C-alpha cells in the first residue's frame, strides 16, 4: 500500500513526477518554441514542417506533460528541467 501512496512520506511531493514516457527529439524541438509568442503555424514555418505536425507534437507534449494548456506545459517542462527557467519572476 505504501508504494501506491508514495512510500517516501511527507516532502516527496516537492519533486516533480517524472514523465511516464520520454519526449521524442521532434517533440523537444517544438517544446523549445512553446515559451515564445509564436503561433503553431509560425513554429511550423521555423521548423520547416507542416502546421499539422506541430499541432500533433503539441498534443503529444500535453499528454506526456499531463497538461491541457500551453502555459501549463511550459511550466511543467521547466519544473522537469526540460526548459530553462523563466527570466521573469512569477
Protein backbone atom coordinates (compact mmCIF):
# COMPACT_ATOMS: atom_id res chain seq x y z
CA UNK A 1 0.00 0.00 0.00
CA UNK A 2 2.83 2.41 0.74
CA UNK A 3 4.08 2.09 -2.84
CA UNK A 4 0.64 3.17 -4.04
CA UNK A 5 0.56 6.15 -1.71
CA UNK A 6 4.16 7.19 -2.22
CA UNK A 7 6.31 5.45 0.35
CA UNK A 8 8.58 8.48 0.69
CA UNK A 9 6.17 10.18 3.08
CA UNK A 10 5.95 13.93 3.58
CA UNK A 11 8.09 16.16 1.46
CA UNK A 12 8.31 13.94 -1.62
CA UNK A 13 5.62 15.96 -3.39
CA UNK A 14 8.15 18.80 -3.76
CA UNK A 15 9.86 16.87 -6.55
CA UNK A 16 8.05 16.83 -9.88
CA UNK A 17 6.84 13.45 -11.03
CA UNK A 18 8.91 12.12 -13.94
CA UNK A 19 7.40 11.73 -17.38
CA UNK A 20 5.56 8.49 -18.00
CA UNK A 21 7.07 8.39 -21.49
CA UNK A 22 10.19 10.22 -22.72
CA UNK A 23 9.85 13.05 -25.20
CA UNK A 24 10.94 12.42 -28.76
CA UNK A 25 13.51 14.73 -30.35
CA UNK A 26 10.86 16.24 -32.63
CA UNK A 27 8.65 16.98 -29.60
CA UNK A 28 11.59 18.62 -27.82
CA UNK A 29 12.17 20.87 -30.83
CA UNK A 30 8.55 22.06 -30.65
CA UNK A 31 8.71 22.34 -26.86
CA UNK A 32 11.54 24.88 -27.13
CA UNK A 33 9.21 27.20 -29.06
CA UNK A 34 6.28 26.98 -26.63
CA UNK A 35 7.52 29.77 -24.30
CA UNK A 36 7.56 32.18 -27.27
CA UNK A 37 4.65 34.14 -28.64
CA UNK A 38 4.84 32.26 -31.93
CA UNK A 39 1.67 30.57 -33.14
CA UNK A 40 1.62 26.95 -34.26
CA UNK A 41 1.81 27.96 -37.96
CA UNK A 42 4.77 30.24 -37.19
CA UNK A 43 6.53 27.44 -35.29
CA UNK A 44 5.88 25.16 -38.26
CA UNK A 45 7.48 27.69 -40.60
CA UNK A 46 10.53 27.99 -38.31
CA UNK A 47 10.94 24.20 -38.18
CA UNK A 48 10.09 23.66 -41.88
CA UNK A 49 7.27 21.23 -41.05
CA UNK A 50 3.51 21.38 -41.51
CA UNK A 51 1.17 23.11 -39.09
CA UNK A 52 -0.50 19.73 -38.57
CA UNK A 53 2.84 18.22 -37.47
CA UNK A 54 3.34 20.98 -34.89
CA UNK A 55 -0.22 20.56 -33.59
CA UNK A 56 0.34 16.79 -33.27
CA UNK A 57 3.59 17.33 -31.35
CA UNK A 58 1.88 19.88 -29.09
CA UNK A 59 -0.94 17.45 -28.37
CA UNK A 60 1.61 14.72 -27.55
CA UNK A 61 3.52 17.12 -25.30
CA UNK A 62 0.37 17.98 -23.37
CA UNK A 63 -0.36 14.29 -22.80
CA UNK A 64 3.19 13.43 -21.75
CA UNK A 65 3.45 16.51 -19.50
CA UNK A 66 -0.06 15.88 -18.07
CA UNK A 67 -1.27 19.35 -19.02
CA UNK A 68 -4.06 20.84 -21.11
CA UNK A 69 -2.69 24.28 -21.97
CA UNK A 70 0.44 25.69 -23.49
CA UNK A 71 1.39 27.77 -20.43
CA UNK A 72 0.96 24.74 -18.17
CA UNK A 73 3.12 22.63 -20.49
CA UNK A 74 5.87 25.28 -20.33
CA UNK A 75 5.67 25.45 -16.53
CA UNK A 76 5.79 21.65 -16.21
CA UNK A 77 8.72 21.40 -18.64
CA UNK A 78 10.59 23.99 -16.57
CA UNK A 79 9.88 22.00 -13.38
CA UNK A 80 11.38 18.94 -15.05
CA UNK A 81 14.42 20.85 -16.30
CA UNK A 82 13.45 20.41 -19.95
CA UNK A 83 13.37 24.19 -20.46
CA UNK A 84 15.45 26.94 -18.90
CA UNK A 85 13.80 28.79 -16.01
CA UNK A 86 11.84 31.89 -16.85
CA UNK A 87 13.76 35.17 -16.80
CA UNK A 88 10.73 36.78 -15.20
CA UNK A 89 9.73 36.01 -11.58
CA UNK A 90 6.18 34.79 -11.02
